[in-house]
């Protein structure tokens, strides 16, 4: 019997789908996340936070932007409520991500398992899901996603601990570079998404972000995302109306 090609998602069982998810994560996705959490661990130590809190946020939050905002707010002396609120605002992106991923799972899976699965949703796993789910039968999507995401999540603890221990040997520019590897990997994956509006939104947001930052750094990300996405949506609707006229 010949082995299945690496691009073949025709699984025979949920266990096979789960193992395939593990295998697909074991490579660039895990390496990039591991590097990012090394940078985060070093950042936590440099801010004077304990290794226990640094590791706990990686395991429980599993969202680098929110973790960084939380630590920065605590380092500035903000109250726990304000820090938690600021961190929660950065997690707003998970609402549309969840709404686009969860309905694609087979409804026959237990509801409790879906609640557990959503904790492992991250930028990397979402991008891969959007790219590969159309090739996977609905009943095998959740096992595949769990295998992929679970292995990515498991890298947070060792990556954070290593970064915390090595903090004194990691220059600040390198810490930041490691943290931003994850968004870069997300962007590289998302370039394979076919819908034109999605590509336009990335282009518009990428162009607007640096320009708005020069005027209003605090709102640059929000404005770039809102305006860039709206422009892409508006152009797509205009093009569709012109095509059907």
C-alpha atoms as a PDB file:
ATOM      1  CA  UNK A   1       0.000   0.000   0.000  1.00  0.00           C
ATOM      2  CA  UNK A   2       1.402   3.374  -0.960  1.00  0.00           C
ATOM      3  CA  UNK A   3       1.529   6.218   1.551  1.00  0.00           C
ATOM      4  CA  UNK A   4      -0.872   9.098   1.116  1.00  0.00           C
ATOM      5  CA  UNK A   5       0.490  12.292  -0.329  1.00  0.00           C
ATOM      6  CA  UNK A   6       1.045  15.154   2.099  1.00  0.00           C
ATOM      7  CA  UNK A   7      -1.758  17.131   0.448  1.00  0.00           C
ATOM      8  CA  UNK A   8      -4.296  14.273   0.657  1.00  0.00           C
ATOM      9  CA  UNK A   9      -6.972  14.945   3.296  1.00  0.00           C
ATOM     10  CA  UNK A  10      -9.110  11.880   2.525  1.00  0.00           C
ATOM     11  CA  UNK A  11      -9.069  10.372   6.048  1.00  0.00           C
ATOM     12  CA  UNK A  12     -10.458   7.000   7.061  1.00  0.00           C
ATOM     13  CA  UNK A  13     -10.988   7.799  10.754  1.00  0.00           C
ATOM     14  CA  UNK A  14     -10.974  10.634  13.265  1.00  0.00           C
ATOM     15  CA  UNK A  15      -7.764   9.248  14.768  1.00  0.00           C
ATOM     16  CA  UNK A  16      -6.056   9.520  11.389  1.00  0.00           C
ATOM     17  CA  UNK A  17      -7.265  13.109  11.023  1.00  0.00           C
ATOM     18  CA  UNK A  18      -5.981  13.942  14.515  1.00  0.00           C
ATOM     19  CA  UNK A  19      -2.565  12.449  13.766  1.00  0.00           C
ATOM     20  CA  UNK A  20      -2.417  14.343  10.485  1.00  0.00           C
ATOM     21  CA  UNK A  21      -3.109  17.581  12.354  1.00  0.00           C
ATOM     22  CA  UNK A  22      -0.237  16.803  14.716  1.00  0.00           C
ATOM     23  CA  UNK A  23       2.058  16.088  11.805  1.00  0.00           C
ATOM     24  CA  UNK A  24       1.118  19.240   9.915  1.00  0.00           C
ATOM     25  CA  UNK A  25       1.765  21.384  13.001  1.00  0.00           C
ATOM     26  CA  UNK A  26       5.163  19.784  13.573  1.00  0.00           C
ATOM     27  CA  UNK A  27       7.220  22.119  11.418  1.00  0.00           C
ATOM     28  CA  UNK A  28       6.976  25.837  10.666  1.00  0.00           C
ATOM     29  CA  UNK A  29       3.791  26.408  12.758  1.00  0.00           C
ATOM     30  CA  UNK A  30       5.291  24.968  15.945  1.00  0.00           C
ATOM     31  CA  UNK A  31       8.710  26.494  15.267  1.00  0.00           C
ATOM     32  CA  UNK A  32       7.264  29.974  14.755  1.00  0.00           C
ATOM     33  CA  UNK A  33       5.051  29.794  17.856  1.00  0.00           C
ATOM     34  CA  UNK A  34       7.931  28.393  19.896  1.00  0.00           C
ATOM     35  CA  UNK A  35      10.128  31.305  18.865  1.00  0.00           C
ATOM     36  CA  UNK A  36       7.349  33.785  19.618  1.00  0.00           C
ATOM     37  CA  UNK A  37       6.839  32.455  23.129  1.00  0.00           C
ATOM     38  CA  UNK A  38      10.582  32.496  23.752  1.00  0.00           C
ATOM     39  CA  UNK A  39      10.395  36.216  23.048  1.00  0.00           C
ATOM     40  CA  UNK A  40       7.376  36.549  25.336  1.00  0.00           C
ATOM     41  CA  UNK A  41       9.093  34.674  28.167  1.00  0.00           C
ATOM     42  CA  UNK A  42      12.079  36.984  27.908  1.00  0.00           C
ATOM     43  CA  UNK A  43       9.738  39.976  27.896  1.00  0.00           C
ATOM     44  CA  UNK A  44       8.031  38.772  31.077  1.00  0.00           C
ATOM     45  CA  UNK A  45      11.341  38.464  32.898  1.00  0.00           C
ATOM     46  CA  UNK A  46      12.514  41.889  31.742  1.00  0.00           C
ATOM     47  CA  UNK A  47       9.300  43.431  33.150  1.00  0.00           C
ATOM     48  CA  UNK A  48       9.976  41.872  36.544  1.00  0.00           C
ATOM     49  CA  UNK A  49       7.080  39.400  36.512  1.00  0.00           C
ATOM     50  CA  UNK A  50       7.378  35.934  38.015  1.00  0.00           C
ATOM     51  CA  UNK A  51       8.022  32.878  35.901  1.00  0.00           C
ATOM     52  CA  UNK A  52       4.791  31.339  37.227  1.00  0.00           C
ATOM     53  CA  UNK A  53       2.637  34.224  36.039  1.00  0.00           C
ATOM     54  CA  UNK A  54       4.469  34.417  32.721  1.00  0.00           C
ATOM     55  CA  UNK A  55       3.951  30.728  32.020  1.00  0.00           C
ATOM     56  CA  UNK A  56       0.345  30.773  33.293  1.00  0.00           C
ATOM     57  CA  UNK A  57      -0.653  33.499  30.840  1.00  0.00           C
ATOM     58  CA  UNK A  58       0.844  31.534  27.944  1.00  0.00           C
ATOM     59  CA  UNK A  59      -1.044  28.372  28.877  1.00  0.00           C
ATOM     60  CA  UNK A  60      -4.358  29.992  29.868  1.00  0.00           C
ATOM     61  CA  UNK A  61      -4.564  32.953  27.477  1.00  0.00           C
ATOM     62  CA  UNK A  62      -2.688  31.572  24.448  1.00  0.00           C
ATOM     63  CA  UNK A  63      -2.808  34.874  22.551  1.00  0.00           C
ATOM     64  CA  UNK A  64       0.444  36.788  22.284  1.00  0.00           C
ATOM     65  CA  UNK A  65      -1.037  40.257  21.576  1.00  0.00           C
ATOM     66  CA  UNK A  66      -3.319  40.023  24.605  1.00  0.00           C
ATOM     67  CA  UNK A  67      -0.517  38.681  26.785  1.00  0.00           C
ATOM     68  CA  UNK A  68       1.808  41.505  25.779  1.00  0.00           C
ATOM     69  CA  UNK A  69      -0.844  44.156  26.456  1.00  0.00           C
ATOM     70  CA  UNK A  70      -1.612  42.564  29.835  1.00  0.00           C
ATOM     71  CA  UNK A  71       2.040  42.621  30.872  1.00  0.00           C
ATOM     72  CA  UNK A  72       2.596  46.163  29.664  1.00  0.00           C
ATOM     73  CA  UNK A  73      -0.428  47.383  31.610  1.00  0.00           C
ATOM     74  CA  UNK A  74       0.732  45.623  34.769  1.00  0.00           C
ATOM     75  CA  UNK A  75       4.243  47.006  34.334  1.00  0.00           C
ATOM     76  CA  UNK A  76       2.759  50.514  34.099  1.00  0.00           C
ATOM     77  CA  UNK A  77       0.992  49.998  37.432  1.00  0.00           C
ATOM     78  CA  UNK A  78      -2.546  49.628  36.093  1.00  0.00           C
ATOM     79  CA  UNK A  79      -5.170  47.916  38.221  1.00  0.00           C
ATOM     80  CA  UNK A  80      -6.012  44.292  37.494  1.00  0.00           C
ATOM     81  CA  UNK A  81      -9.449  45.251  36.135  1.00  0.00           C
ATOM     82  CA  UNK A  82      -8.029  47.806  33.690  1.00  0.00           C
ATOM     83  CA  UNK A  83      -5.290  45.399  32.580  1.00  0.00           C
ATOM     84  CA  UNK A  84      -7.828  42.613  32.047  1.00  0.00           C
ATOM     85  CA  UNK A  85     -10.126  44.938  30.088  1.00  0.00           C
ATOM     86  CA  UNK A  86      -7.327  46.148  27.824  1.00  0.00           C
ATOM     87  CA  UNK A  87      -6.230  42.576  27.199  1.00  0.00           C
ATOM     88  CA  UNK A  88      -9.807  41.516  26.450  1.00  0.00           C
ATOM     89  CA  UNK A  89     -10.201  44.261  23.844  1.00  0.00           C
ATOM     90  CA  UNK A  90      -7.271  42.821  21.891  1.00  0.00           C
ATOM     91  CA  UNK A  91      -9.153  39.511  21.842  1.00  0.00           C
ATOM     92  CA  UNK A  92     -12.064  40.986  19.875  1.00  0.00           C
ATOM     93  CA  UNK A  93     -10.580  39.434  16.749  1.00  0.00           C
ATOM     94  CA  UNK A  94     -11.480  35.990  18.090  1.00  0.00           C
ATOM     95  CA  UNK A  95     -15.200  36.659  17.623  1.00  0.00           C
ATOM     96  CA  UNK A  96     -15.140  36.630  13.786  1.00  0.00           C
ATOM     97  CA  UNK A  97     -12.472  33.922  13.834  1.00  0.00           C
ATOM     98  CA  UNK A  98     -14.709  31.707  15.976  1.00  0.00           C
ATOM     99  CA  UNK A  99     -17.781  32.469  13.884  1.00  0.00           C
ATOM    100  CA  UNK A 100     -15.979  31.384  10.717  1.00  0.00           C
ATOM    101  CA  UNK A 101     -14.373  28.217  12.114  1.00  0.00           C
ATOM    102  CA  UNK A 102     -16.889  26.629  14.500  1.00  0.00           C
ATOM    103  CA  UNK A 103     -19.817  26.265  12.020  1.00  0.00           C
ATOM    104  CA  UNK A 104     -17.533  24.214   9.773  1.00  0.00           C
ATOM    105  CA  UNK A 105     -17.245  21.438  12.355  1.00  0.00           C
ATOM    106  CA  UNK A 106     -19.551  18.428  12.239  1.00  0.00           C
ATOM    107  CA  UNK A 107     -22.525  19.127  14.541  1.00  0.00           C
ATOM    108  CA  UNK A 108     -22.546  15.516  15.691  1.00  0.00           C
ATOM    109  CA  UNK A 109     -19.499  16.172  17.869  1.00  0.00           C
ATOM    110  CA  UNK A 110     -20.283  16.860  21.523  1.00  0.00           C
ATOM    111  CA  UNK A 111     -20.944  20.468  22.480  1.00  0.00           C
ATOM    112  CA  UNK A 112     -18.510  20.204  25.395  1.00  0.00           C
ATOM    113  CA  UNK A 113     -15.727  19.213  23.035  1.00  0.00           C
ATOM    114  CA  UNK A 114     -16.416  22.283  20.891  1.00  0.00           C
ATOM    115  CA  UNK A 115     -16.115  24.527  23.952  1.00  0.00           C
ATOM    116  CA  UNK A 116     -12.757  22.902  24.672  1.00  0.00           C
ATOM    117  CA  UNK A 117     -11.660  23.229  21.058  1.00  0.00           C
ATOM    118  CA  UNK A 118     -12.300  26.969  20.913  1.00  0.00           C
ATOM    119  CA  UNK A 119      -9.628  27.576  23.580  1.00  0.00           C
ATOM    120  CA  UNK A 120      -6.996  26.330  21.135  1.00  0.00           C
ATOM    121  CA  UNK A 121      -8.087  28.728  18.411  1.00  0.00           C
ATOM    122  CA  UNK A 122      -5.211  31.020  17.486  1.00  0.00           C
ATOM    123  CA  UNK A 123      -4.109  33.118  14.552  1.00  0.00           C
ATOM    124  CA  UNK A 124      -1.970  30.310  13.141  1.00  0.00           C
ATOM    125  CA  UNK A 125      -4.566  27.539  13.481  1.00  0.00           C
ATOM    126  CA  UNK A 126      -7.311  29.798  12.100  1.00  0.00           C
ATOM    127  CA  UNK A 127      -5.294  30.631   8.988  1.00  0.00           C
ATOM    128  CA  UNK A 128      -4.545  26.958   8.360  1.00  0.00           C
ATOM    129  CA  UNK A 129      -8.193  26.024   8.955  1.00  0.00           C
ATOM    130  CA  UNK A 130      -9.405  28.606   6.439  1.00  0.00           C
ATOM    131  CA  UNK A 131      -6.921  27.267   3.930  1.00  0.00           C
ATOM    132  CA  UNK A 132      -7.426  23.519   4.394  1.00  0.00           C
ATOM    133  CA  UNK A 133     -10.977  22.948   5.691  1.00  0.00           C
ATOM    134  CA  UNK A 134     -12.506  23.031   2.178  1.00  0.00           C
ATOM    135  CA  UNK A 135     -10.349  19.969   1.398  1.00  0.00           C
ATOM    136  CA  UNK A 136     -11.475  18.054   4.524  1.00  0.00           C
ATOM    137  CA  UNK A 137     -14.819  16.325   5.095  1.00  0.00           C
ATOM    138  CA  UNK A 138     -16.834  18.011   7.904  1.00  0.00           C
ATOM    139  CA  UNK A 139     -16.656  14.988  10.226  1.00  0.00           C
ATOM    140  CA  UNK A 140     -12.840  15.068  10.179  1.00  0.00           C
ATOM    141  CA  UNK A 141     -12.284  18.814  10.540  1.00  0.00           C
ATOM    142  CA  UNK A 142     -12.520  19.004  14.317  1.00  0.00           C
ATOM    143  CA  UNK A 143     -10.118  16.088  14.984  1.00  0.00           C
ATOM    144  CA  UNK A 144      -7.665  17.584  12.499  1.00  0.00           C
ATOM    145  CA  UNK A 145      -7.996  21.026  14.062  1.00  0.00           C
ATOM    146  CA  UNK A 146      -7.546  19.619  17.572  1.00  0.00           C
ATOM    147  CA  UNK A 147      -4.394  17.753  16.588  1.00  0.00           C
ATOM    148  CA  UNK A 148      -2.919  20.808  14.914  1.00  0.00           C
ATOM    149  CA  UNK A 149      -3.904  23.305  17.607  1.00  0.00           C
ATOM    150  CA  UNK A 150      -3.114  21.099  20.587  1.00  0.00           C
ATOM    151  CA  UNK A 151       0.483  20.625  19.513  1.00  0.00           C
ATOM    152  CA  UNK A 152       0.825  24.372  18.896  1.00  0.00           C
ATOM    153  CA  UNK A 153      -0.587  25.075  22.363  1.00  0.00           C
ATOM    154  CA  UNK A 154       1.823  22.599  23.955  1.00  0.00           C
ATOM    155  CA  UNK A 155       4.775  24.654  22.713  1.00  0.00           C
ATOM    156  CA  UNK A 156       3.765  27.619  24.869  1.00  0.00           C
ATOM    157  CA  UNK A 157       5.042  26.235  28.169  1.00  0.00           C
ATOM    158  CA  UNK A 158       8.570  25.174  27.131  1.00  0.00           C
ATOM    159  CA  UNK A 159       8.973  28.212  24.882  1.00  0.00           C
ATOM    160  CA  UNK A 160       7.990  30.629  27.644  1.00  0.00           C
ATOM    161  CA  UNK A 161      10.188  28.926  30.245  1.00  0.00           C
ATOM    162  CA  UNK A 162      13.225  28.909  27.947  1.00  0.00           C
ATOM    163  CA  UNK A 163      12.699  32.565  27.072  1.00  0.00           C
ATOM    164  CA  UNK A 164      12.348  33.514  30.737  1.00  0.00           C
ATOM    165  CA  UNK A 165      15.521  31.658  31.736  1.00  0.00           C
ATOM    166  CA  UNK A 166      17.518  33.061  28.798  1.00  0.00           C
ATOM    167  CA  UNK A 167      16.148  36.603  29.163  1.00  0.00           C
ATOM    168  CA  UNK A 168      19.476  38.141  30.136  1.00  0.00           C
ATOM    169  CA  UNK A 169      21.089  36.744  26.996  1.00  0.00           C
ATOM    170  CA  UNK A 170      18.401  37.907  24.540  1.00  0.00           C
ATOM    171  CA  UNK A 171      18.696  41.532  23.283  1.00  0.00           C
ATOM    172  CA  UNK A 172      15.459  43.551  23.282  1.00  0.00           C
ATOM    173  CA  UNK A 173      15.262  43.872  19.453  1.00  0.00           C
ATOM    174  CA  UNK A 174      15.546  40.093  19.171  1.00  0.00           C
ATOM    175  CA  UNK A 175      12.785  39.597  21.778  1.00  0.00           C
ATOM    176  CA  UNK A 176      10.437  41.764  19.720  1.00  0.00           C
ATOM    177  CA  UNK A 177      11.462  40.062  16.480  1.00  0.00           C
ATOM    178  CA  UNK A 178      10.649  36.644  17.940  1.00  0.00           C
ATOM    179  CA  UNK A 179       7.240  37.833  19.138  1.00  0.00           C
ATOM    180  CA  UNK A 180       6.324  39.186  15.684  1.00  0.00           C
ATOM    181  CA  UNK A 181       7.275  35.990  13.847  1.00  0.00           C
ATOM    182  CA  UNK A 182       3.773  34.656  14.491  1.00  0.00           C
ATOM    183  CA  UNK A 183       1.908  37.435  12.610  1.00  0.00           C
ATOM    184  CA  UNK A 184       4.393  37.044   9.758  1.00  0.00           C
ATOM    185  CA  UNK A 185       3.674  33.312   9.513  1.00  0.00           C
ATOM    186  CA  UNK A 186      -0.060  34.080   9.578  1.00  0.00           C
ATOM    187  CA  UNK A 187       0.348  36.495   6.673  1.00  0.00           C
ATOM    188  CA  UNK A 188       2.319  33.978   4.627  1.00  0.00           C
ATOM    189  CA  UNK A 189      -0.425  31.379   5.133  1.00  0.00           C
ATOM    190  CA  UNK A 190      -3.213  33.794   4.367  1.00  0.00           C
ATOM    191  CA  UNK A 191      -1.769  34.696   0.969  1.00  0.00           C
ATOM    192  CA  UNK A 192      -3.062  31.302  -0.193  1.00  0.00           C
ATOM    193  CA  UNK A 193      -6.673  32.305   0.523  1.00  0.00           C
ATOM    194  CA  UNK A 194      -8.444  32.744  -2.808  1.00  0.00           C
ATOM    195  CA  UNK A 195     -11.267  35.287  -2.244  1.00  0.00           C
ATOM    196  CA  UNK A 196     -10.292  38.645  -3.717  1.00  0.00           C
ATOM    197  CA  UNK A 197     -11.865  40.746  -0.889  1.00  0.00           C
ATOM    198  CA  UNK A 198      -9.639  39.034   1.668  1.00  0.00           C
ATOM    199  CA  UNK A 199      -6.536  39.828  -0.345  1.00  0.00           C
ATOM    200  CA  UNK A 200      -7.654  43.420  -0.848  1.00  0.00           C
ATOM    201  CA  UNK A 201      -8.260  43.821   2.895  1.00  0.00           C
ATOM    202  CA  UNK A 202      -4.707  42.654   3.631  1.00  0.00           C
ATOM    203  CA  UNK A 203      -3.243  45.043   1.051  1.00  0.00           C
ATOM    204  CA  UNK A 204      -5.296  48.037   2.164  1.00  0.00           C
ATOM    205  CA  UNK A 205      -4.649  47.384   5.834  1.00  0.00           C
ATOM    206  CA  UNK A 206      -0.922  46.947   5.237  1.00  0.00           C
ATOM    207  CA  UNK A 207      -0.717  50.225   3.336  1.00  0.00           C
ATOM    208  CA  UNK A 208      -2.886  52.228   5.723  1.00  0.00           C
ATOM    209  CA  UNK A 209      -1.338  50.975   8.956  1.00  0.00           C
ATOM    210  CA  UNK A 210       2.041  52.766   8.708  1.00  0.00           C
ATOM    211  CA  UNK A 211       0.425  55.943   7.345  1.00  0.00           C
ATOM    212  CA  UNK A 212      -2.135  56.201  10.136  1.00  0.00           C
ATOM    213  CA  UNK A 213       0.555  55.388  12.702  1.00  0.00           C
ATOM    214  CA  UNK A 214       2.383  58.590  11.733  1.00  0.00           C
ATOM    215  CA  UNK A 215      -0.737  60.589  12.654  1.00  0.00           C
ATOM    216  CA  UNK A 216      -2.249  58.582  15.523  1.00  0.00           C
ATOM    217  CA  UNK A 217      -0.149  55.657  16.831  1.00  0.00           C
ATOM    218  CA  UNK A 218      -2.750  54.672  19.452  1.00  0.00           C
ATOM    219  CA  UNK A 219      -5.503  54.093  16.873  1.00  0.00           C
ATOM    220  CA  UNK A 220      -3.466  53.027  13.841  1.00  0.00           C
ATOM    221  CA  UNK A 221      -4.286  49.321  14.044  1.00  0.00           C
ATOM    222  CA  UNK A 222      -7.999  49.912  14.619  1.00  0.00           C
ATOM    223  CA  UNK A 223      -8.296  52.456  11.803  1.00  0.00           C
ATOM    224  CA  UNK A 224      -6.247  50.374   9.363  1.00  0.00           C
ATOM    225  CA  UNK A 225      -8.377  47.297  10.001  1.00  0.00           C
ATOM    226  CA  UNK A 226     -11.715  49.108   9.888  1.00  0.00           C
ATOM    227  CA  UNK A 227     -10.987  51.277   6.855  1.00  0.00           C
ATOM    228  CA  UNK A 228      -9.014  48.631   4.956  1.00  0.00           C
ATOM    229  CA  UNK A 229     -11.690  45.963   5.478  1.00  0.00           C
ATOM    230  CA  UNK A 230     -14.497  48.377   4.615  1.00  0.00           C
ATOM    231  CA  UNK A 231     -12.758  49.471   1.415  1.00  0.00           C
ATOM    232  CA  UNK A 232     -12.220  45.867   0.368  1.00  0.00           C
ATOM    233  CA  UNK A 233     -15.861  45.000   1.081  1.00  0.00           C
ATOM    234  CA  UNK A 234     -17.149  48.090  -0.729  1.00  0.00           C
ATOM    235  CA  UNK A 235     -15.030  47.451  -3.816  1.00  0.00           C
ATOM    236  CA  UNK A 236     -16.143  43.821  -3.899  1.00  0.00           C
ATOM    237  CA  UNK A 237     -19.828  44.793  -3.694  1.00  0.00           C
ATOM    238  CA  UNK A 238     -19.360  47.456  -6.364  1.00  0.00           C
ATOM    239  CA  UNK A 239     -17.646  44.969  -8.662  1.00  0.00           C
ATOM    240  CA  UNK A 240     -20.415  42.385  -8.154  1.00  0.00           C
ATOM    241  CA  UNK A 241     -23.141  44.901  -8.931  1.00  0.00           C
ATOM    242  CA  UNK A 242     -21.266  45.953 -12.072  1.00  0.00           C
ATOM    243  CA  UNK A 243     -20.899  42.322 -13.158  1.00  0.00           C
ATOM    244  CA  UNK A 244     -24.600  41.580 -12.713  1.00  0.00           C
ATOM    245  CA  UNK A 245     -25.843  44.832 -14.272  1.00  0.00           C
END
